[in-house]
Protein backbone atom coordinates (compact mmCIF):
# COMPACT_ATOMS: atom_id res chain seq x y z
CA MET A 1 0.01 0.03 -0.09
CA PHE A 2 2.73 2.33 0.92
CA GLY A 3 4.62 1.60 -2.30
CA MET A 4 1.45 2.25 -4.32
CA TYR A 5 0.97 5.46 -2.69
CA MET A 6 4.44 6.55 -3.33
CA SER A 7 4.13 5.68 -6.88
CA LYS A 8 1.04 7.84 -7.36
CA LYS A 9 2.64 10.74 -5.61
CA ALA A 10 5.64 10.45 -7.83
CA GLY A 11 3.68 10.43 -10.89
CA LYS A 12 1.59 13.61 -9.55
CA ASP A 13 4.93 15.23 -9.03
CA GLN A 14 6.03 14.44 -12.53
CA LYS A 15 2.83 15.80 -14.02
CA LYS A 16 3.53 19.06 -11.81
CA GLU A 17 6.97 19.04 -13.20
CA ARG A 18 5.78 18.81 -16.77
CA ARG A 19 3.00 21.55 -16.42
CA SER A 20 5.15 23.95 -14.36
CA PRO A 21 4.82 27.59 -15.66
CA GLY A 22 8.74 27.97 -15.47
CA ALA A 23 9.31 24.95 -17.78
CA ASP A 24 6.62 26.26 -20.41
CA LYS A 25 7.91 29.83 -20.03
CA HIS A 26 11.64 28.25 -20.92
CA VAL A 27 10.26 26.35 -24.03
CA ASN A 28 8.42 29.35 -25.19
CA GLU A 29 11.49 31.62 -24.86
CA GLN A 30 13.63 28.88 -26.72
CA MET A 31 10.88 28.74 -29.43
CA LYS A 32 11.25 32.60 -29.89
CA ASP A 33 14.97 32.33 -29.94
CA TYR A 34 14.61 29.83 -32.54
CA GLU A 35 12.51 31.98 -34.69
CA HIS A 36 14.93 34.77 -34.85
CA GLN A 37 17.77 32.39 -35.88
CA PRO A 38 19.04 33.13 -39.32
CA ILE A 39 18.31 30.83 -42.40
CA VAL A 40 20.91 27.78 -42.61
CA PRO A 41 22.94 27.96 -45.88
CA VAL A 42 23.34 24.36 -46.24
CA LEU A 43 20.03 23.23 -48.03
CA THR A 44 19.67 19.73 -46.64
CA GLU A 45 20.23 20.97 -43.21
CA LEU A 46 17.64 23.94 -43.78
CA LEU A 47 14.83 21.47 -45.03
CA ASP A 48 15.61 19.20 -42.21
CA LYS A 49 14.99 21.89 -39.60
CA ILE A 50 11.61 22.80 -41.45
CA LYS A 51 10.39 19.08 -41.39
CA LYS A 52 11.30 18.65 -37.86
CA GLU A 53 9.62 22.03 -36.70
CA MET A 54 6.28 21.10 -38.69
CA GLY A 55 6.42 17.48 -37.46
CA GLU A 56 6.83 15.94 -40.94
CA SER A 57 3.38 17.31 -41.92
CA SER A 58 1.98 15.69 -44.85
CA ASP A 59 0.69 19.06 -46.52
CA LEU A 60 4.31 20.40 -46.30
CA ILE A 61 5.55 20.08 -49.97
CA ILE A 62 9.23 20.35 -50.67
CA ARG A 63 10.21 20.12 -54.22
CA GLY A 64 13.85 19.78 -55.26
CA LEU A 65 15.20 21.10 -58.48
CA ASN A 66 18.73 20.07 -59.81
CA LEU A 67 19.68 22.29 -62.77
CA THR A 68 23.49 21.66 -62.77
CA ASP A 69 23.28 17.89 -62.71
CA HIS A 70 25.26 17.88 -59.71
CA GLN A 71 26.85 14.41 -58.66
CA GLY A 72 26.82 14.16 -55.19
CA LYS A 73 25.22 12.13 -52.41
CA ASP A 74 21.39 11.15 -52.99
CA GLY A 75 19.22 14.05 -52.38
CA ASP A 76 21.38 16.98 -53.11
CA LYS A 77 19.67 19.41 -54.94
CA ASP A 78 20.33 23.07 -56.15
CA ILE A 79 17.19 24.79 -55.37
CA ALA A 80 14.22 23.81 -53.09
CA LEU A 81 10.78 24.89 -53.27
CA VAL A 82 8.60 24.85 -50.00
CA TYR A 83 4.98 25.51 -49.69
CA ILE A 84 1.82 24.24 -48.09
CA GLN A 85 -0.33 22.21 -50.35
CA GLY A 86 -3.77 23.88 -50.35
CA LEU A 87 -2.71 27.40 -49.57
CA VAL A 88 -1.12 28.22 -52.93
CA GLU A 89 -2.56 28.18 -56.49
CA ASP A 90 -0.79 25.42 -58.26
CA GLU A 91 -1.30 26.93 -61.86
CA ARG A 92 0.56 30.19 -60.82
CA LEU A 93 3.21 28.30 -59.04
CA ASP A 94 3.94 26.15 -61.97
CA LYS A 95 3.69 28.86 -64.60
CA PHE A 96 5.45 31.79 -63.09
CA VAL A 97 7.91 30.23 -60.69
CA ILE A 98 8.92 26.74 -61.68
CA GLN A 99 8.86 26.97 -65.59
CA THR A 100 10.73 30.20 -65.56
CA MET A 101 13.47 28.85 -63.40
CA GLN A 102 13.79 25.65 -65.30
CA GLN A 103 13.84 27.46 -68.79
CA ASP A 104 16.52 30.22 -67.86
CA PRO A 105 19.77 29.44 -69.65
CA GLU A 106 22.00 31.04 -67.28
CA LEU A 107 20.72 29.71 -64.03
CA PRO A 108 22.61 26.38 -64.13
CA SER A 109 26.07 28.15 -64.76
CA ARG A 110 25.28 30.61 -61.74
CA LEU A 111 24.34 27.76 -59.52
CA LYS A 112 27.47 25.72 -60.52
CA GLN A 113 29.59 28.99 -59.45
CA LEU A 114 27.70 29.14 -56.37
CA ARG A 115 28.62 25.65 -55.40
CA GLU A 116 32.21 26.37 -55.78
CA HIS A 117 32.08 29.73 -53.92
CA ASP A 118 33.36 30.11 -50.50
CA ARG A 119 30.28 30.16 -48.28
CA GLN A 120 31.74 32.34 -45.65
CA THR A 121 32.45 35.01 -48.38
CA LEU A 122 28.98 34.51 -49.72
CA ALA A 123 27.41 35.15 -46.21
CA ASP A 124 29.38 38.35 -45.86
CA SER A 125 28.32 39.60 -49.18
CA PRO A 126 25.64 42.52 -49.06
CA GLU A 127 23.90 41.11 -52.19
CA GLU A 128 23.76 37.75 -53.88
CA PRO A 129 23.81 38.01 -57.62
CA ILE A 130 21.94 34.70 -58.21
CA LEU A 131 19.25 35.93 -55.93
CA SER A 132 18.99 39.18 -57.60
CA ARG A 133 18.60 37.61 -60.90
CA ILE A 134 15.86 35.29 -59.65
CA LYS A 135 13.95 38.18 -58.10
CA SER A 136 14.34 40.64 -61.10
CA HIS A 137 14.38 38.24 -64.14
CA LEU A 138 12.60 35.05 -63.26
CA ILE A 139 9.93 35.41 -60.80
CA ALA A 140 6.84 36.60 -62.69
CA ILE A 141 5.03 37.31 -59.44
CA GLY A 142 4.02 40.67 -58.34
CA LEU A 143 4.62 40.39 -54.57
CA ILE A 144 7.97 38.75 -53.50
CA CYS A 145 10.03 39.13 -50.50
CA ASP A 146 13.28 38.04 -48.67
CA ILE A 147 13.34 35.27 -46.19
CA LYS A 148 16.38 35.87 -43.67
CA THR A 149 14.97 34.16 -40.51
CA PHE A 150 13.05 31.11 -39.44
CA LYS A 151 10.27 33.60 -38.30
CA ASP A 152 10.00 35.10 -41.59
CA LEU A 153 10.00 31.58 -43.08
CA PHE A 154 6.98 30.18 -41.22
CA GLU A 155 5.14 33.46 -41.36
CA LYS A 156 5.16 33.68 -44.95
CA LEU A 157 4.77 29.95 -45.35
CA PHE A 158 1.33 29.91 -43.82
CA LEU A 159 0.30 33.14 -45.66
CA GLY A 160 0.31 31.24 -49.00
CA TYR A 161 3.78 31.98 -50.14
CA ALA A 162 6.07 29.55 -52.04
CA LEU A 163 9.65 29.80 -50.61
CA ILE A 164 12.74 29.37 -52.70
CA PHE A 165 15.87 28.34 -51.09
CA ILE A 166 19.38 27.75 -52.76
CA ASP A 167 22.12 25.53 -51.55
CA GLY A 168 24.77 27.66 -50.08
CA SER A 169 22.82 30.90 -49.91
CA PRO A 170 21.92 32.40 -46.29
CA SER A 171 18.58 33.57 -47.48
CA GLY A 172 15.60 32.74 -49.46
CA ILE A 173 12.79 34.49 -51.69
CA GLY A 174 9.19 34.28 -50.91
CA CYS A 175 6.62 34.50 -53.87
CA ASN A 176 3.08 35.25 -53.08
CA VAL A 177 1.11 32.48 -54.89
CA TYR A 178 -1.89 32.42 -52.46
CA GLY A 179 -4.70 30.34 -53.55
CA GLY A 180 -6.89 27.70 -52.22
CA PRO A 181 -10.61 27.46 -51.31
CA LYS A 182 -12.32 30.58 -50.53
CA ARG A 183 -16.11 32.03 -50.41
CA SER A 184 -17.21 34.35 -53.25
CA VAL A 185 -18.77 37.71 -52.48
CA GLU A 186 -22.34 37.12 -51.80
CA GLU A 187 -25.41 38.91 -50.15
CA PRO A 188 -25.13 39.27 -46.43
CA LYS A 189 -27.37 36.68 -44.54
CA THR A 190 -27.71 38.64 -41.36
CA GLU A 191 -28.29 42.08 -42.98
CA MET A 192 -31.07 41.68 -45.48
CA MET A 193 -32.52 44.71 -47.30
CA ILE A 194 -34.67 45.50 -50.28
CA ARG A 195 -32.93 48.49 -51.79
CA GLY A 196 -29.00 48.85 -51.60
CA PRO A 197 -25.90 46.94 -52.56
CA ARG A 198 -25.90 42.96 -52.64
CA GLU A 199 -22.47 42.38 -51.70
CA GLY A 200 -21.02 41.41 -48.31
CA PHE A 201 -17.80 40.55 -46.74
CA THR A 202 -16.00 37.27 -46.73
CA GLU A 203 -13.62 35.34 -44.66
CA SER A 204 -10.64 36.80 -46.53
CA LEU A 205 -9.00 39.90 -45.04
CA ARG A 206 -7.57 41.02 -48.43
CA VAL A 207 -11.18 40.79 -50.17
CA ASN A 208 -12.66 42.68 -47.47
CA THR A 209 -10.13 45.73 -47.86
CA ILE A 210 -10.81 45.59 -51.42
CA LEU A 211 -14.44 46.00 -50.96
CA LEU A 212 -13.85 48.93 -48.76
CA ARG A 213 -11.27 50.41 -51.25
CA ARG A 214 -13.94 50.47 -53.89
CA LYS A 215 -16.33 52.23 -51.94
CA ILE A 216 -13.92 54.93 -50.71
CA ARG A 217 -11.59 55.67 -53.53
CA SER A 218 -9.23 58.10 -51.54
CA PRO A 219 -5.60 58.03 -50.45
CA LYS A 220 -6.62 59.39 -46.96
CA LEU A 221 -8.17 55.65 -46.58
CA TRP A 222 -5.26 54.22 -44.38
CA LEU A 223 -4.56 50.67 -43.71
CA GLU A 224 -2.51 49.15 -40.83
CA GLN A 225 -2.07 45.53 -40.18
CA MET A 226 -0.78 43.42 -37.49
CA LYS A 227 -0.78 39.67 -36.24
CA VAL A 228 -2.60 38.54 -33.15
CA GLY A 229 -2.49 35.32 -31.46
CA GLU A 230 0.71 33.70 -30.28
CA ILE A 231 -0.11 30.41 -32.10
CA THR A 232 -2.62 31.39 -34.66
CA GLN A 233 -0.74 34.58 -35.91
CA THR A 234 -4.14 35.91 -37.24
CA PRO A 235 -3.91 38.81 -39.50
CA VAL A 236 -5.95 41.93 -38.17
CA ALA A 237 -6.22 45.24 -39.92
CA ILE A 238 -7.48 48.55 -38.87
CA MET A 239 -8.95 50.96 -41.36
CA TYR A 240 -9.61 54.74 -40.96
CA ILE A 241 -9.68 57.96 -42.85
CA LYS A 242 -6.85 60.04 -42.04
CA GLY A 243 -7.91 63.60 -40.80
CA LEU A 244 -11.33 62.20 -39.90
CA ALA A 245 -10.62 59.67 -37.22
CA ASP A 246 -9.56 60.66 -33.92
CA GLU A 247 -5.89 60.06 -33.51
CA SER A 248 -6.06 59.27 -29.63
CA VAL A 249 -8.88 56.60 -30.42
CA ILE A 250 -6.48 54.98 -33.15
CA GLU A 251 -3.54 54.80 -30.82
CA ASP A 252 -5.81 53.58 -28.03
CA LEU A 253 -6.99 50.72 -30.34
CA LYS A 254 -3.49 49.71 -31.54
CA ARG A 255 -2.36 49.50 -28.00
CA ARG A 256 -5.23 47.28 -26.87
CA ILE A 257 -4.70 44.99 -29.86
CA LYS A 258 -1.04 44.79 -29.22
CA ASP A 259 -1.72 43.86 -25.54
CA ILE A 260 -3.62 40.82 -26.56
CA LYS A 261 -1.58 37.89 -25.69
CA ASN A 262 -4.00 35.07 -26.26
CA ASP A 263 -2.99 31.92 -28.13
CA GLY A 264 -5.58 32.01 -30.84
CA ILE A 265 -7.77 34.62 -32.59
CA LEU A 266 -10.38 32.87 -34.56
CA GLU A 267 -13.12 35.33 -35.01
CA SER A 268 -13.59 39.14 -34.56
CA SER A 269 -15.49 38.39 -31.35
CA TYR A 270 -12.22 37.45 -29.67
CA ILE A 271 -10.91 40.82 -30.58
CA GLU A 272 -14.25 42.49 -29.37
CA GLU A 273 -14.27 40.84 -26.02
CA MET A 274 -10.69 41.46 -25.26
CA ILE A 275 -10.40 45.41 -26.36
CA THR A 276 -13.90 46.64 -24.95
CA ASP A 277 -14.01 49.24 -22.09
CA GLN A 278 -16.34 47.33 -19.74
CA LYS A 279 -15.98 43.60 -19.40
CA TRP A 280 -19.21 43.01 -17.33
CA THR A 281 -22.03 44.16 -19.01
CA PRO A 282 -24.72 42.29 -21.11
CA PHE A 283 -24.91 45.40 -23.69
CA PRO A 284 -22.42 45.30 -26.56
CA THR A 285 -20.19 48.40 -26.67
CA ILE A 286 -18.70 47.35 -30.15
CA ILE A 287 -20.78 47.01 -33.27
CA SER A 288 -20.15 44.57 -36.02
CA HIS A 289 -21.41 44.58 -39.61
CA GLU A 290 -21.14 42.31 -42.78
CA ARG A 291 -21.93 44.90 -45.11
CA PRO A 292 -19.20 47.05 -46.96
CA ASP A 293 -21.44 50.02 -47.23
CA VAL A 294 -22.28 50.28 -43.76
CA ILE A 295 -18.62 50.20 -42.78
CA ALA A 296 -17.75 52.91 -45.27
CA SER A 297 -20.45 55.08 -43.86
CA ASN A 298 -18.88 54.63 -40.41
CA LEU A 299 -15.37 55.44 -41.71
CA LEU A 300 -16.81 58.72 -43.37
CA ASP A 301 -18.21 59.56 -39.89
CA GLY A 302 -14.78 59.42 -38.51
CA ARG A 303 -14.68 55.79 -36.78
CA VAL A 304 -12.43 52.99 -37.01
CA ALA A 305 -12.88 49.58 -38.62
CA ILE A 306 -11.19 46.44 -37.34
CA ILE A 307 -10.96 43.52 -39.88
CA VAL A 308 -10.04 40.04 -38.90
CA ASP A 309 -9.02 37.41 -41.19
CA GLY A 310 -11.28 34.54 -41.13
CA THR A 311 -14.57 36.19 -40.46
CA PRO A 312 -16.95 38.33 -42.52
CA PHE A 313 -18.01 40.50 -39.56
CA VAL A 314 -15.98 43.78 -39.23
CA LEU A 315 -16.03 45.68 -36.07
CA VAL A 316 -16.42 49.46 -35.75
CA VAL A 317 -15.33 51.72 -32.91
CA PRO A 318 -16.25 53.87 -31.07
CA SER A 319 -19.90 52.62 -31.03
CA THR A 320 -22.89 54.03 -29.29
CA LEU A 321 -26.26 52.59 -28.37
CA ASN A 322 -28.01 54.78 -31.01
CA MET A 323 -26.02 52.79 -33.86
CA PHE A 324 -27.73 49.31 -32.92
CA PHE A 325 -30.97 50.90 -34.01
CA GLN A 326 -29.85 51.99 -37.42
CA ALA A 327 -30.10 50.02 -40.67
CA ALA A 328 -28.22 50.81 -44.05
CA GLU A 329 -31.68 50.82 -45.83
CA ASP A 330 -32.60 54.05 -43.59
CA TYR A 331 -30.40 56.14 -45.94
CA TYR A 332 -31.73 54.39 -49.09
CA GLN A 333 -35.22 55.39 -48.88
CA ASN A 334 -37.40 58.37 -47.98
CA TYR A 335 -36.40 59.96 -44.71
CA GLN A 336 -40.18 60.16 -43.40
CA MET A 337 -40.35 56.27 -43.74
CA ALA A 338 -36.88 55.80 -42.20
CA THR A 339 -37.95 58.04 -39.28
CA PHE A 340 -40.99 55.84 -38.87
CA LEU A 341 -39.06 52.70 -38.88
CA ARG A 342 -36.39 53.94 -36.35
CA MET A 343 -39.42 54.75 -33.85
CA LEU A 344 -40.68 51.21 -34.53
CA ARG A 345 -37.17 49.77 -33.73
CA PHE A 346 -37.06 51.46 -30.45
CA SER A 347 -40.61 50.78 -29.44
CA SER A 348 -39.98 46.90 -30.32
CA PHE A 349 -36.81 46.91 -28.26
CA PHE A 350 -38.84 48.13 -25.18
CA ILE A 351 -41.68 45.65 -25.81
CA ALA A 352 -39.29 42.74 -26.21
CA LEU A 353 -37.56 43.81 -22.86
CA LEU A 354 -40.60 44.71 -20.68
CA MET A 355 -43.91 43.06 -22.08
CA PRO A 356 -43.77 39.92 -20.09
CA SER A 357 -42.78 41.64 -17.00
CA ILE A 358 -45.34 44.27 -17.34
CA TYR A 359 -47.97 41.40 -17.92
CA VAL A 360 -47.02 39.57 -14.70
CA ALA A 361 -46.87 42.82 -12.73
CA ILE A 362 -50.66 43.68 -13.87
CA ILE A 363 -51.90 40.23 -13.39
CA GLY A 364 -50.29 39.85 -9.94
CA TYR A 365 -50.44 43.27 -8.32
CA HIS A 366 -52.26 45.92 -10.43
CA GLN A 367 -55.49 44.35 -11.55
CA GLU A 368 -57.28 47.60 -11.21
CA MET A 369 -55.32 48.83 -14.38
CA ILE A 370 -57.12 46.16 -16.64
CA PRO A 371 -60.83 47.28 -17.97
CA THR A 372 -63.36 45.05 -16.25
CA GLN A 373 -64.32 43.10 -19.30
CA LEU A 374 -60.85 42.22 -20.16
CA LEU A 375 -60.14 41.30 -16.48
CA LEU A 376 -63.02 38.97 -16.50
CA LYS A 377 -61.81 37.19 -19.71
CA LEU A 378 -58.38 36.83 -18.29
CA ALA A 379 -59.73 35.22 -15.16
CA ALA A 380 -61.77 32.91 -17.03
CA GLN A 381 -58.78 31.86 -19.13
CA ARG A 382 -56.67 31.38 -15.92
CA GLU A 383 -59.43 29.32 -14.27
CA GLY A 384 -57.79 25.84 -13.79
CA VAL A 385 -54.22 27.02 -14.48
CA PRO A 386 -52.36 25.51 -11.73
CA PHE A 387 -49.44 28.13 -11.75
CA PRO A 388 -49.18 31.75 -11.08
CA ALA A 389 -48.87 34.35 -13.82
CA TYR A 390 -45.03 34.68 -13.24
CA LEU A 391 -44.20 31.12 -13.53
CA GLU A 392 -46.49 30.65 -16.49
CA ALA A 393 -44.46 33.67 -18.26
CA PHE A 394 -41.24 32.02 -17.15
CA ILE A 395 -42.05 28.50 -18.46
CA MET A 396 -43.21 30.13 -21.99
CA GLU A 397 -40.15 32.27 -22.30
CA LEU A 398 -37.90 29.14 -21.46
CA VAL A 399 -39.63 27.10 -24.04
CA PHE A 400 -39.28 29.67 -26.67
CA GLU A 401 -35.67 30.15 -26.12
CA ILE A 402 -35.21 26.43 -26.25
CA LEU A 403 -37.20 26.38 -29.44
CA ARG A 404 -35.14 29.25 -31.04
CA GLU A 405 -31.83 27.55 -30.31
CA ALA A 406 -32.98 24.40 -31.59
CA VAL A 407 -34.21 26.08 -34.91
CA LEU A 408 -30.66 27.76 -35.24
CA ARG A 409 -28.55 24.68 -34.62
CA MET A 410 -30.68 22.32 -36.71
CA PRO A 411 -30.09 21.83 -40.53
CA SER A 412 -31.94 24.34 -42.58
CA THR A 413 -34.20 21.71 -44.03
CA ALA A 414 -35.41 20.46 -40.51
CA GLY A 415 -35.42 23.81 -38.94
CA SER A 416 -38.56 25.21 -40.57
CA ALA A 417 -40.51 21.82 -39.77
CA ILE A 418 -39.22 22.38 -36.00
CA SER A 419 -40.51 26.00 -35.94
CA ILE A 420 -43.69 24.98 -37.21
CA VAL A 421 -44.40 22.08 -34.74
CA GLY A 422 -42.91 24.17 -31.95
CA GLY A 423 -44.98 27.42 -32.69
CA LEU A 424 -48.19 25.69 -33.55
CA VAL A 425 -48.50 22.12 -32.02
CA ILE A 426 -46.77 22.76 -28.87
CA GLY A 427 -48.43 26.29 -28.29
CA GLN A 428 -51.91 24.96 -28.73
CA SER A 429 -51.35 21.74 -26.84
CA ILE A 430 -50.01 23.50 -23.65
CA VAL A 431 -53.02 25.80 -23.69
CA GLU A 432 -55.64 23.04 -24.18
CA ALA A 433 -53.67 20.96 -21.35
CA GLY A 434 -54.49 23.91 -19.10
CA ILE A 435 -50.78 24.34 -18.07
CA VAL A 436 -50.68 27.83 -19.23
CA SER A 437 -53.50 30.50 -20.23
CA SER A 438 -53.65 31.75 -23.95
CA ALA A 439 -52.90 35.27 -22.98
CA VAL A 440 -49.37 34.33 -21.87
CA VAL A 441 -48.85 32.64 -25.26
CA ILE A 442 -49.92 35.62 -27.02
CA VAL A 443 -47.70 37.77 -24.85
CA VAL A 444 -44.75 35.85 -25.36
CA ALA A 445 -45.19 35.47 -29.05
CA PHE A 446 -45.49 39.09 -29.61
CA THR A 447 -42.41 39.70 -27.35
CA ALA A 448 -40.62 36.94 -29.55
CA ILE A 449 -41.45 38.95 -32.77
CA SER A 450 -40.60 42.14 -31.42
CA SER A 451 -37.14 40.95 -30.40
CA PHE A 452 -36.30 40.17 -34.13
CA VAL A 453 -36.85 43.82 -35.22
CA ALA A 454 -33.66 45.06 -33.85
CA PRO A 455 -31.43 45.19 -36.80
CA ILE A 456 -28.22 44.11 -34.79
CA TYR A 457 -28.44 40.76 -33.18
CA SER A 458 -25.98 41.31 -30.37
CA LEU A 459 -28.58 43.97 -29.06
CA GLY A 460 -31.36 41.55 -29.04
CA ILE A 461 -29.27 39.09 -26.89
CA ALA A 462 -29.10 41.82 -24.16
CA ALA A 463 -32.60 42.21 -24.20
CA ARG A 464 -33.26 38.29 -23.91
CA LEU A 465 -31.04 38.20 -20.72
CA LEU A 466 -32.61 41.34 -18.93
CA ARG A 467 -36.15 40.08 -19.78
CA PHE A 468 -35.76 37.37 -17.12
CA LEU A 469 -34.30 39.63 -14.56
CA LEU A 470 -37.35 41.96 -15.20
CA LEU A 471 -39.66 39.10 -14.70
CA VAL A 472 -38.22 38.41 -11.30
CA ALA A 473 -38.59 41.96 -10.30
CA ALA A 474 -42.32 42.09 -11.48
CA SER A 475 -43.11 38.97 -9.54
CA THR A 476 -41.82 40.18 -6.32
CA LEU A 477 -42.56 43.93 -6.47
CA GLY A 478 -44.65 44.49 -9.27
CA PHE A 479 -44.35 47.81 -11.22
CA TYR A 480 -42.03 49.17 -8.29
CA GLY A 481 -39.68 46.34 -9.08
CA ILE A 482 -39.61 47.04 -12.81
CA ALA A 483 -39.08 50.55 -12.20
CA LEU A 484 -36.13 49.81 -9.77
CA VAL A 485 -34.53 47.51 -12.38
CA MET A 486 -35.06 49.78 -15.07
CA LEU A 487 -33.30 52.51 -13.00
CA LEU A 488 -30.34 50.41 -12.36
CA ILE A 489 -30.13 49.39 -16.13
CA LEU A 490 -30.24 53.14 -17.03
CA LEU A 491 -27.70 53.93 -14.53
CA HIS A 492 -25.44 50.94 -15.77
CA MET A 493 -25.75 52.29 -19.27
CA SER A 494 -24.66 55.89 -18.38
CA ASN A 495 -21.66 54.36 -16.88
CA LEU A 496 -20.61 52.65 -20.33
CA SER A 497 -18.46 53.92 -22.95
CA SER A 498 -16.71 52.87 -25.92
CA PHE A 499 -13.14 54.19 -26.42
CA GLY A 500 -13.75 57.07 -24.25
CA ILE A 501 -17.25 58.08 -25.95
CA PRO A 502 -20.40 57.89 -23.64
CA TYR A 503 -22.51 54.88 -24.54
CA LEU A 504 -25.82 56.88 -24.63
CA LYS A 505 -24.59 59.81 -26.61
CA PRO A 506 -26.18 61.85 -28.13
CA PHE A 507 -29.24 61.37 -25.55
CA ALA A 508 -26.84 61.80 -22.39
CA PRO A 509 -25.19 64.14 -22.67
CA PHE A 510 -27.92 65.48 -24.94
CA ASN A 511 -26.62 66.83 -28.27
CA TRP A 512 -29.06 68.32 -30.71
CA LYS A 513 -26.86 68.21 -33.81
CA ASP A 514 -26.33 64.63 -33.40
CA PHE A 515 -29.79 64.00 -32.44
CA LYS A 516 -30.80 64.57 -36.13
CA ASP A 517 -29.77 60.82 -36.84
CA THR A 518 -31.20 59.00 -33.75
CA LEU A 519 -34.95 58.54 -33.23
CA LEU A 520 -35.35 60.87 -36.29
CA ARG A 521 -33.53 60.74 -39.69
CA VAL A 522 -33.60 64.06 -41.00
CA PRO A 523 -32.89 64.66 -44.85
CA LEU A 524 -29.47 64.12 -45.84
CA TRP A 525 -29.07 67.78 -47.05
CA MET A 526 -29.53 68.81 -43.30
CA MET A 527 -26.80 66.63 -41.80
CA LYS A 528 -23.91 68.71 -42.85
CA GLU A 529 -21.84 67.81 -39.79
CA ARG A 530 -20.27 64.40 -38.87
CA PRO A 531 -21.10 63.28 -35.19
CA GLN A 532 -19.43 65.47 -32.87
CA GLN A 533 -19.09 62.85 -30.15
CA ILE A 534 -16.62 60.68 -32.46
CA GLY A 535 -13.56 62.95 -32.38
CA ASP A 536 -11.69 66.07 -33.38
CA GLY A 537 -11.42 65.43 -36.99
CA ASP A 538 -13.06 67.49 -39.75
CA GLN A 539 -16.51 67.97 -38.76
CA VAL A 540 -17.84 69.15 -42.21
CA ARG A 541 -19.75 66.58 -44.10
CA ASP A 542 -21.57 68.47 -46.67
CA ASN A 543 -20.36 72.03 -48.22
CA SER A 544 -23.44 72.47 -50.45
CA ALA A 545 -26.33 74.71 -49.77
CA ALA A 546 -28.64 74.32 -46.67
CA GLU A 547 -31.51 73.22 -48.79
CA PRO A 548 -31.89 71.57 -52.24
CA ARG A 549 -32.12 73.55 -55.23
CA ARG A 550 -35.82 74.29 -56.50
CA GLU A 551 -36.32 74.95 -60.20
CA PRO A 552 -37.81 78.24 -61.12
CA SER A 553 -41.46 78.25 -61.83
CA GLN A 554 -42.54 78.64 -65.29
């Protein structure tokens, strides 16, 4: 028994030693030092190190070219081409890289001279003639770069570059032949509209920046790119219009992104959660869009866009609550209709947030607010229902949340069938069984419909969470509980900010000039200035006359 105990203890001690932070830190430091090591001039040794670092991965392609008929030991090659299968376009690689090198008449003689050259002298030389010839005469690719360290090597390798290494050379060449599967530009699925552009962002960072360049054809549209994620090395780009965006916001954003030390960044939500001002809030303080026209409009207002490779959702900072009720189509149709729809969205948000709790408060505490005839009908419906009103509402809300999640996770062919079964069969059966009253079903159904009116999905999530908190308050204190929770929510929202900009602007603090594009949407010719809460850039948007021109009467 004592021996078994000691063996288990020794095993645990060994696991602790293997998992000790100091050992992991030492390994990470060794890896970082290894990344900054220069390229090995001996080709066979270099290729062995690449294979070892990648664990002999099957998608690592190493193609050797022997152009000088060198008679050495097996495997000796003059040139090696290294790339990841599936990340490069094979046709471009064959046509513009491999064929051009194989058909060059001078390259074999230069490679022969290189074999006979003293490697130490070659390493000390500032420029290698053979590499210069390959870059300037042979490679028919627009974007090429030098590979001098292992960090450069692996960074370009996973970006879709084909790497060229020459035996005896202390550096290599990277050719951008990025290819592989990618999704074409399609209409966004989450921001549908009747009138407006039909193109949306894709998972390719470069495609997304091109879509924005097509909207804003100006040299003042600046792009800065960095890599985030210790392991994933995800490309992240920020775009802004120089002179319109606030410089302090830009510097603060770059600092926050650089401070991220996470292992992997797989979607823009990772960035959103790590750079937001307040961590403990149900309200989103950074907005995301899938439409290039919406992002271009925000850039013209002086905001900054964050584009993450691998996701079609682009972040915008700073963001305010009012932005979550705006839709792109508001600016593509008549301003009277846009104003009506804005007010409808605000009203629907409050209905989705408060309607179940108001019903529970009225039924449980404030029956005098209901007309007598309606009160008698509600009492007749509730006759035989074994649960109080708040428990009815809670059960139906929970059933609907389960149904909504099931429809989202099921395949599209089965999702419609589940929604029909859940909405009709279950709803009707639960009323006929006497578990809940029909009034509760109507309230929950209308609440669910109102929650879908919000154009930004993340704001609807906040309403869904707070709805249950308001139900608890209404079941205990009635309208007083609802008023208390709403006051706490308002105080919480007034304390929120997005990169230093108050979340409730222009409502609090109130600003009339910015109020023109909140509950109301005044004509475009009246919005002559950009939002003042964004920054200290150029505020003038329109230098034309205050009113549209009128043709003289005949």
